[in-house]
Amino acid sequence: MLEDLWFLRALVQVPLGALLFLGALWRGAAPERLLSGALFACLSLLAIYNRLFARPDLFESVDPIYLVLDVLLLVVIVGVALRANRMFPLWMGGVQIAALGSHLARITLPKLNPSAYAAMTQAPNYMHMAVLGLALAAHVHREKRAGGYPSWNS
């Protein structure tokens, strides 16, 4: 059942991530482009990884590839959050810390239900996409209303 959940998730999240990335390339500034690109790259790599190395026990333990990609995504988010003239990277950072917390929960709670762990690892990506979509809309609205503004803090 959880394998079917992954396949369905990949069918939804990868195209949504691609649309966000294309939207950020079209109308976004550097912070939106960087974070949507990083998220889309992670979603795509996970989809490829799961297609090539599908495991029926995927959520029974922490997968090192999932953990590494989550850490790398947090590094990118924190890097952008420290320099961007935006608030949304902080929201994404909080969500990503929660995603990393799910791996810690899996490690420290061996009896954690695999469905709960699956939800804890998958839901943050939907939250990232919602935050990015709202951030992109806010950026476009602000540019129309006030003109260009700096993407980075000095």
N, C-alpha and C. Protein backbone atom coordinates (compact mmCIF):
# COMPACT_ATOMS: atom_id res chain seq x y z
N MET A 1 0.81 -1.20 0.00
CA MET A 1 0.00 0.00 0.00
C MET A 1 0.86 1.27 0.00
N LEU A 2 1.91 1.29 0.84
CA LEU A 2 2.76 2.47 0.89
C LEU A 2 3.52 2.68 -0.42
N GLU A 3 3.83 1.58 -1.14
CA GLU A 3 4.48 1.73 -2.43
C GLU A 3 3.55 2.44 -3.41
N ASP A 4 2.25 2.11 -3.35
CA ASP A 4 1.27 2.78 -4.19
C ASP A 4 1.17 4.26 -3.83
N LEU A 5 1.27 4.55 -2.53
CA LEU A 5 1.26 5.94 -2.07
C LEU A 5 2.43 6.70 -2.68
N TRP A 6 3.60 6.06 -2.70
CA TRP A 6 4.76 6.74 -3.29
C TRP A 6 4.54 7.03 -4.76
N PHE A 7 4.03 6.03 -5.50
CA PHE A 7 3.83 6.22 -6.94
C PHE A 7 2.84 7.36 -7.19
N LEU A 8 1.74 7.37 -6.44
CA LEU A 8 0.75 8.44 -6.58
C LEU A 8 1.35 9.78 -6.22
N ARG A 9 2.14 9.82 -5.16
CA ARG A 9 2.78 11.05 -4.73
C ARG A 9 3.70 11.58 -5.83
N ALA A 10 4.47 10.70 -6.44
CA ALA A 10 5.39 11.12 -7.50
C ALA A 10 4.61 11.67 -8.70
N LEU A 11 3.47 11.07 -9.00
CA LEU A 11 2.65 11.56 -10.11
C LEU A 11 2.08 12.95 -9.86
N VAL A 12 1.91 13.30 -8.59
CA VAL A 12 1.36 14.61 -8.24
C VAL A 12 2.47 15.62 -7.96
N GLN A 13 3.43 15.25 -7.12
CA GLN A 13 4.41 16.22 -6.66
C GLN A 13 5.43 16.62 -7.72
N VAL A 14 5.89 15.71 -8.52
CA VAL A 14 6.90 16.07 -9.51
C VAL A 14 6.34 17.06 -10.53
N PRO A 15 5.15 16.83 -11.10
CA PRO A 15 4.61 17.85 -12.01
C PRO A 15 4.31 19.19 -11.33
N LEU A 16 3.81 19.15 -10.08
CA LEU A 16 3.58 20.40 -9.37
C LEU A 16 4.90 21.13 -9.10
N GLY A 17 5.92 20.38 -8.72
CA GLY A 17 7.23 20.97 -8.52
C GLY A 17 7.79 21.57 -9.81
N ALA A 18 7.55 20.89 -10.92
CA ALA A 18 8.00 21.41 -12.22
C ALA A 18 7.28 22.71 -12.56
N LEU A 19 5.96 22.75 -12.31
CA LEU A 19 5.20 23.97 -12.59
C LEU A 19 5.68 25.13 -11.73
N LEU A 20 5.94 24.87 -10.46
CA LEU A 20 6.46 25.92 -9.57
C LEU A 20 7.82 26.40 -10.06
N PHE A 21 8.67 25.48 -10.44
CA PHE A 21 9.99 25.85 -10.92
C PHE A 21 9.90 26.69 -12.19
N LEU A 22 9.06 26.26 -13.12
CA LEU A 22 8.89 27.03 -14.37
C LEU A 22 8.30 28.40 -14.08
N GLY A 23 7.33 28.45 -13.15
CA GLY A 23 6.76 29.74 -12.76
C GLY A 23 7.79 30.65 -12.14
N ALA A 24 8.67 30.08 -11.31
CA ALA A 24 9.72 30.88 -10.68
C ALA A 24 10.74 31.35 -11.72
N LEU A 25 11.04 30.50 -12.69
CA LEU A 25 11.95 30.94 -13.76
C LEU A 25 11.34 32.07 -14.57
N TRP A 26 10.04 32.01 -14.76
CA TRP A 26 9.35 33.00 -15.58
C TRP A 26 9.15 34.32 -14.84
N ARG A 27 8.62 34.25 -13.61
CA ARG A 27 8.24 35.47 -12.90
C ARG A 27 8.96 35.70 -11.58
N GLY A 28 9.68 34.72 -11.08
CA GLY A 28 10.31 34.85 -9.78
C GLY A 28 11.67 35.51 -9.86
N ALA A 29 12.20 35.83 -8.70
CA ALA A 29 13.56 36.36 -8.58
C ALA A 29 14.46 35.22 -8.08
N ALA A 30 15.68 35.55 -7.78
CA ALA A 30 16.67 34.53 -7.42
C ALA A 30 16.25 33.64 -6.25
N PRO A 31 15.71 34.17 -5.13
CA PRO A 31 15.34 33.27 -4.03
C PRO A 31 14.25 32.26 -4.44
N GLU A 32 13.26 32.71 -5.18
CA GLU A 32 12.20 31.81 -5.63
C GLU A 32 12.76 30.76 -6.60
N ARG A 33 13.64 31.19 -7.47
CA ARG A 33 14.23 30.26 -8.44
C ARG A 33 15.10 29.22 -7.75
N LEU A 34 15.94 29.67 -6.83
CA LEU A 34 16.83 28.73 -6.14
C LEU A 34 16.05 27.69 -5.34
N LEU A 35 15.07 28.15 -4.57
CA LEU A 35 14.36 27.20 -3.71
C LEU A 35 13.41 26.31 -4.50
N SER A 36 12.76 26.84 -5.52
CA SER A 36 11.90 25.97 -6.32
C SER A 36 12.74 24.97 -7.11
N GLY A 37 13.92 25.39 -7.56
CA GLY A 37 14.82 24.48 -8.26
C GLY A 37 15.34 23.38 -7.36
N ALA A 38 15.70 23.75 -6.13
CA ALA A 38 16.19 22.75 -5.17
C ALA A 38 15.09 21.75 -4.83
N LEU A 39 13.87 22.25 -4.61
CA LEU A 39 12.76 21.35 -4.29
C LEU A 39 12.45 20.44 -5.47
N PHE A 40 12.40 20.99 -6.66
CA PHE A 40 12.12 20.19 -7.85
C PHE A 40 13.21 19.13 -8.06
N ALA A 41 14.46 19.51 -7.83
CA ALA A 41 15.56 18.54 -7.97
C ALA A 41 15.39 17.40 -6.97
N CYS A 42 15.05 17.72 -5.72
CA CYS A 42 14.86 16.67 -4.71
C CYS A 42 13.70 15.76 -5.08
N LEU A 43 12.58 16.35 -5.48
CA LEU A 43 11.42 15.54 -5.86
C LEU A 43 11.75 14.63 -7.04
N SER A 44 12.46 15.16 -8.01
CA SER A 44 12.81 14.37 -9.20
C SER A 44 13.79 13.25 -8.85
N LEU A 45 14.80 13.57 -8.05
CA LEU A 45 15.77 12.55 -7.65
C LEU A 45 15.10 11.44 -6.85
N LEU A 46 14.19 11.81 -5.95
CA LEU A 46 13.48 10.78 -5.18
C LEU A 46 12.60 9.92 -6.07
N ALA A 47 11.96 10.54 -7.05
CA ALA A 47 11.11 9.76 -7.97
C ALA A 47 11.95 8.76 -8.76
N ILE A 48 13.10 9.21 -9.25
CA ILE A 48 13.99 8.32 -10.00
C ILE A 48 14.52 7.22 -9.09
N TYR A 49 14.97 7.61 -7.90
CA TYR A 49 15.50 6.64 -6.94
C TYR A 49 14.46 5.58 -6.61
N ASN A 50 13.25 5.99 -6.33
CA ASN A 50 12.21 5.03 -5.97
C ASN A 50 11.79 4.16 -7.15
N ARG A 51 11.86 4.71 -8.34
CA ARG A 51 11.53 3.92 -9.53
C ARG A 51 12.59 2.84 -9.77
N LEU A 52 13.85 3.20 -9.55
CA LEU A 52 14.94 2.25 -9.79
C LEU A 52 15.15 1.26 -8.65
N PHE A 53 14.95 1.72 -7.43
CA PHE A 53 15.26 0.89 -6.26
C PHE A 53 14.06 0.77 -5.33
N ALA A 54 12.90 0.49 -5.87
CA ALA A 54 11.69 0.38 -5.06
C ALA A 54 11.86 -0.67 -3.97
N ARG A 55 11.47 -0.30 -2.76
CA ARG A 55 11.57 -1.21 -1.61
C ARG A 55 10.21 -1.31 -0.95
N PRO A 56 9.71 -2.51 -0.72
CA PRO A 56 8.42 -2.64 -0.04
C PRO A 56 8.49 -2.20 1.42
N ASP A 57 9.69 -2.19 2.01
CA ASP A 57 9.84 -1.80 3.41
C ASP A 57 10.39 -0.38 3.53
N LEU A 58 10.11 0.48 2.55
CA LEU A 58 10.69 1.81 2.48
C LEU A 58 10.52 2.60 3.78
N PHE A 59 9.36 2.52 4.41
CA PHE A 59 9.10 3.33 5.59
C PHE A 59 9.27 2.56 6.90
N GLU A 60 9.87 1.39 6.80
CA GLU A 60 10.16 0.60 8.01
C GLU A 60 11.41 1.10 8.72
N SER A 61 12.29 1.78 7.98
CA SER A 61 13.52 2.32 8.54
C SER A 61 13.87 3.59 7.78
N VAL A 62 14.87 4.29 8.27
CA VAL A 62 15.31 5.51 7.61
C VAL A 62 16.13 5.15 6.38
N ASP A 63 15.73 5.65 5.25
CA ASP A 63 16.49 5.44 4.02
C ASP A 63 17.57 6.51 3.95
N PRO A 64 18.83 6.11 3.80
CA PRO A 64 19.92 7.11 3.80
C PRO A 64 19.80 8.14 2.67
N ILE A 65 19.25 7.73 1.54
CA ILE A 65 19.10 8.68 0.42
C ILE A 65 18.09 9.76 0.79
N TYR A 66 16.97 9.36 1.39
CA TYR A 66 15.97 10.34 1.85
C TYR A 66 16.60 11.30 2.85
N LEU A 67 17.37 10.74 3.79
CA LEU A 67 17.98 11.57 4.83
C LEU A 67 18.98 12.55 4.23
N VAL A 68 19.82 12.09 3.34
CA VAL A 68 20.83 12.97 2.72
C VAL A 68 20.15 14.08 1.92
N LEU A 69 19.14 13.74 1.14
CA LEU A 69 18.45 14.77 0.36
C LEU A 69 17.75 15.77 1.26
N ASP A 70 17.17 15.32 2.37
CA ASP A 70 16.53 16.24 3.30
C ASP A 70 17.56 17.17 3.95
N VAL A 71 18.72 16.65 4.29
CA VAL A 71 19.78 17.50 4.86
C VAL A 71 20.27 18.52 3.83
N LEU A 72 20.50 18.07 2.60
CA LEU A 72 20.96 18.98 1.55
C LEU A 72 19.93 20.07 1.27
N LEU A 73 18.65 19.69 1.25
CA LEU A 73 17.61 20.69 1.03
C LEU A 73 17.60 21.70 2.17
N LEU A 74 17.78 21.25 3.41
CA LEU A 74 17.84 22.18 4.54
C LEU A 74 19.02 23.13 4.39
N VAL A 75 20.16 22.64 3.96
CA VAL A 75 21.34 23.49 3.77
C VAL A 75 21.05 24.59 2.75
N VAL A 76 20.41 24.22 1.64
CA VAL A 76 20.07 25.21 0.61
C VAL A 76 19.07 26.23 1.17
N ILE A 77 18.05 25.74 1.86
CA ILE A 77 17.03 26.64 2.42
C ILE A 77 17.66 27.61 3.41
N VAL A 78 18.49 27.12 4.30
CA VAL A 78 19.13 27.98 5.30
C VAL A 78 20.04 29.00 4.61
N GLY A 79 20.78 28.56 3.62
CA GLY A 79 21.64 29.48 2.88
C GLY A 79 20.86 30.62 2.24
N VAL A 80 19.74 30.29 1.63
CA VAL A 80 18.90 31.33 1.03
C VAL A 80 18.26 32.18 2.11
N ALA A 81 17.78 31.56 3.18
CA ALA A 81 17.10 32.31 4.25
C ALA A 81 18.03 33.33 4.90
N LEU A 82 19.31 33.02 5.00
CA LEU A 82 20.25 33.93 5.64
C LEU A 82 20.54 35.17 4.79
N ARG A 83 20.34 35.07 3.48
CA ARG A 83 20.69 36.19 2.59
C ARG A 83 19.50 36.83 1.89
N ALA A 84 18.38 36.13 1.79
CA ALA A 84 17.26 36.63 0.99
C ALA A 84 16.51 37.74 1.70
N ASN A 85 15.99 38.64 0.91
CA ASN A 85 15.14 39.72 1.39
C ASN A 85 13.68 39.22 1.33
N ARG A 86 13.46 38.07 1.95
CA ARG A 86 12.16 37.41 1.93
C ARG A 86 11.94 36.72 3.27
N MET A 87 10.67 36.48 3.60
CA MET A 87 10.33 35.74 4.82
C MET A 87 10.07 34.26 4.54
N PHE A 88 9.62 33.94 3.33
CA PHE A 88 9.19 32.57 3.07
C PHE A 88 10.28 31.51 3.23
N PRO A 89 11.56 31.81 3.01
CA PRO A 89 12.56 30.75 3.26
C PRO A 89 12.59 30.31 4.73
N LEU A 90 12.25 31.22 5.64
CA LEU A 90 12.19 30.84 7.06
C LEU A 90 11.07 29.82 7.28
N TRP A 91 9.94 30.02 6.63
CA TRP A 91 8.83 29.06 6.74
C TRP A 91 9.26 27.71 6.18
N MET A 92 9.91 27.75 5.02
CA MET A 92 10.38 26.50 4.43
C MET A 92 11.41 25.81 5.32
N GLY A 93 12.26 26.60 5.96
CA GLY A 93 13.24 26.03 6.87
C GLY A 93 12.58 25.32 8.04
N GLY A 94 11.54 25.93 8.60
CA GLY A 94 10.82 25.29 9.70
C GLY A 94 10.19 23.98 9.28
N VAL A 95 9.61 23.98 8.10
CA VAL A 95 8.99 22.76 7.58
C VAL A 95 10.07 21.69 7.35
N GLN A 96 11.22 22.11 6.84
CA GLN A 96 12.28 21.14 6.57
C GLN A 96 12.88 20.58 7.85
N ILE A 97 12.95 21.39 8.89
CA ILE A 97 13.40 20.87 10.18
C ILE A 97 12.43 19.81 10.69
N ALA A 98 11.14 20.03 10.49
CA ALA A 98 10.14 19.02 10.86
C ALA A 98 10.34 17.74 10.06
N ALA A 99 10.68 17.88 8.77
CA ALA A 99 10.94 16.70 7.94
C ALA A 99 12.13 15.91 8.48
N LEU A 100 13.17 16.62 8.88
CA LEU A 100 14.33 15.93 9.46
C LEU A 100 13.96 15.30 10.80
N GLY A 101 13.07 15.94 11.54
CA GLY A 101 12.59 15.37 12.79
C GLY A 101 11.88 14.04 12.59
N SER A 102 11.25 13.87 11.44
CA SER A 102 10.58 12.59 11.17
C SER A 102 11.60 11.45 11.09
N HIS A 103 12.76 11.73 10.53
CA HIS A 103 13.80 10.70 10.47
C HIS A 103 14.32 10.37 11.87
N LEU A 104 14.47 11.39 12.69
CA LEU A 104 14.89 11.18 14.07
C LEU A 104 13.85 10.35 14.82
N ALA A 105 12.57 10.64 14.57
CA ALA A 105 11.50 9.86 15.21
C ALA A 105 11.57 8.40 14.78
N ARG A 106 11.83 8.16 13.50
CA ARG A 106 11.92 6.78 13.00
C ARG A 106 13.08 6.05 13.66
N ILE A 107 14.20 6.75 13.84
CA ILE A 107 15.38 6.13 14.44
C ILE A 107 15.15 5.83 15.92
N THR A 108 14.57 6.78 16.64
CA THR A 108 14.45 6.63 18.10
C THR A 108 13.21 5.87 18.54
N LEU A 109 12.22 5.76 17.67
CA LEU A 109 10.98 5.04 18.01
C LEU A 109 10.81 3.87 17.06
N PRO A 110 11.42 2.74 17.35
CA PRO A 110 11.37 1.61 16.42
C PRO A 110 9.95 1.09 16.16
N LYS A 111 9.03 1.34 17.06
CA LYS A 111 7.66 0.86 16.86
C LYS A 111 6.77 1.89 16.17
N LEU A 112 7.36 2.97 15.66
CA LEU A 112 6.60 3.98 14.95
C LEU A 112 5.91 3.35 13.74
N ASN A 113 4.64 3.61 13.61
CA ASN A 113 3.86 3.07 12.50
C ASN A 113 4.45 3.56 11.18
N PRO A 114 4.71 2.65 10.23
CA PRO A 114 5.28 3.05 8.94
C PRO A 114 4.40 4.07 8.19
N SER A 115 3.09 3.97 8.35
CA SER A 115 2.20 4.95 7.70
C SER A 115 2.38 6.34 8.29
N ALA A 116 2.60 6.41 9.60
CA ALA A 116 2.83 7.70 10.25
C ALA A 116 4.16 8.28 9.77
N TYR A 117 5.17 7.44 9.69
CA TYR A 117 6.47 7.91 9.21
C TYR A 117 6.37 8.36 7.75
N ALA A 118 5.65 7.62 6.95
CA ALA A 118 5.45 8.00 5.55
C ALA A 118 4.80 9.38 5.46
N ALA A 119 3.77 9.61 6.26
CA ALA A 119 3.08 10.90 6.24
C ALA A 119 4.01 12.02 6.70
N MET A 120 4.82 11.73 7.74
CA MET A 120 5.72 12.76 8.26
C MET A 120 6.83 13.11 7.27
N THR A 121 7.21 12.18 6.42
CA THR A 121 8.26 12.48 5.45
C THR A 121 7.71 13.06 4.15
N GLN A 122 6.45 12.77 3.84
CA GLN A 122 5.89 13.22 2.57
C GLN A 122 5.16 14.55 2.66
N ALA A 123 4.48 14.82 3.76
CA ALA A 123 3.69 16.04 3.90
C ALA A 123 4.52 17.32 3.77
N PRO A 124 5.75 17.37 4.28
CA PRO A 124 6.51 18.62 4.14
C PRO A 124 6.69 19.09 2.70
N ASN A 125 6.77 18.16 1.76
CA ASN A 125 6.92 18.59 0.37
C ASN A 125 5.69 19.34 -0.12
N TYR A 126 4.50 18.91 0.28
CA TYR A 126 3.29 19.64 -0.07
C TYR A 126 3.29 21.02 0.57
N MET A 127 3.76 21.09 1.81
CA MET A 127 3.84 22.38 2.50
C MET A 127 4.85 23.30 1.81
N HIS A 128 5.99 22.74 1.39
CA HIS A 128 6.97 23.54 0.65
C HIS A 128 6.35 24.11 -0.61
N MET A 129 5.61 23.30 -1.33
CA MET A 129 5.02 23.77 -2.58
C MET A 129 3.97 24.84 -2.32
N ALA A 130 3.19 24.70 -1.25
CA ALA A 130 2.19 25.73 -0.91
C ALA A 130 2.89 27.04 -0.57
N VAL A 131 3.94 26.97 0.24
CA VAL A 131 4.69 28.17 0.62
C VAL A 131 5.32 28.82 -0.62
N LEU A 132 5.93 28.01 -1.48
CA LEU A 132 6.55 28.56 -2.68
C LEU A 132 5.53 29.19 -3.62
N GLY A 133 4.38 28.54 -3.76
CA GLY A 133 3.33 29.11 -4.60
C GLY A 133 2.85 30.45 -4.08
N LEU A 134 2.62 30.53 -2.78
CA LEU A 134 2.20 31.80 -2.17
C LEU A 134 3.30 32.85 -2.28
N ALA A 135 4.54 32.44 -2.07
CA ALA A 135 5.66 33.37 -2.15
C ALA A 135 5.83 33.92 -3.57
N LEU A 136 5.66 33.07 -4.54
CA LEU A 136 5.76 33.52 -5.93
C LEU A 136 4.65 34.50 -6.26
N ALA A 137 3.43 34.18 -5.81
CA ALA A 137 2.30 35.10 -6.04
C ALA A 137 2.55 36.44 -5.34
N ALA A 138 3.06 36.40 -4.12
CA ALA A 138 3.34 37.64 -3.38
C ALA A 138 4.43 38.45 -4.08
N HIS A 139 5.44 37.77 -4.59
CA HIS A 139 6.52 38.47 -5.30
C HIS A 139 5.97 39.16 -6.54
N VAL A 140 5.19 38.46 -7.32
CA VAL A 140 4.61 39.04 -8.55
C VAL A 140 3.73 40.24 -8.19
N HIS A 141 2.91 40.09 -7.15
CA HIS A 141 2.01 41.18 -6.72
C HIS A 141 2.83 42.39 -6.27
N ARG A 142 3.88 42.13 -5.48
CA ARG A 142 4.69 43.24 -4.97
C ARG A 142 5.41 43.95 -6.11
N GLU A 143 5.91 43.21 -7.08
CA GLU A 143 6.57 43.86 -8.21
C GLU A 143 5.61 44.70 -9.02
N LYS A 144 4.38 44.24 -9.20
CA LYS A 144 3.38 45.03 -9.94
C LYS A 144 3.02 46.30 -9.17
N ARG A 145 2.91 46.17 -7.86
CA ARG A 145 2.48 47.29 -7.02
C ARG A 145 3.60 48.30 -6.80
N ALA A 146 4.79 47.84 -6.49
CA ALA A 146 5.86 48.73 -6.07
C ALA A 146 7.08 48.74 -6.98
N GLY A 147 7.09 47.93 -7.99
CA GLY A 147 8.26 47.86 -8.86
C GLY A 147 9.30 46.90 -8.32
N GLY A 148 10.46 46.91 -8.92
CA GLY A 148 11.52 46.01 -8.51
C GLY A 148 12.02 46.30 -7.09
N TYR A 149 12.50 45.29 -6.45
CA TYR A 149 13.07 45.43 -5.11
C TYR A 149 14.18 44.40 -4.99
N PRO A 150 15.13 44.63 -4.07
CA PRO A 150 16.28 43.73 -4.00
C PRO A 150 15.90 42.33 -3.51
N SER A 151 16.53 41.34 -4.11
CA SER A 151 16.29 39.95 -3.71
C SER A 151 17.10 39.56 -2.50
N TRP A 152 18.24 40.23 -2.31
CA TRP A 152 19.17 39.84 -1.25
C TRP A 152 19.41 40.99 -0.30
N ASN A 153 19.65 40.65 0.96
CA ASN A 153 20.06 41.64 1.94
C ASN A 153 21.53 41.97 1.71
N SER A 154 21.89 43.19 1.99
CA SER A 154 23.29 43.58 1.79
C SER A 154 24.11 43.20 3.01
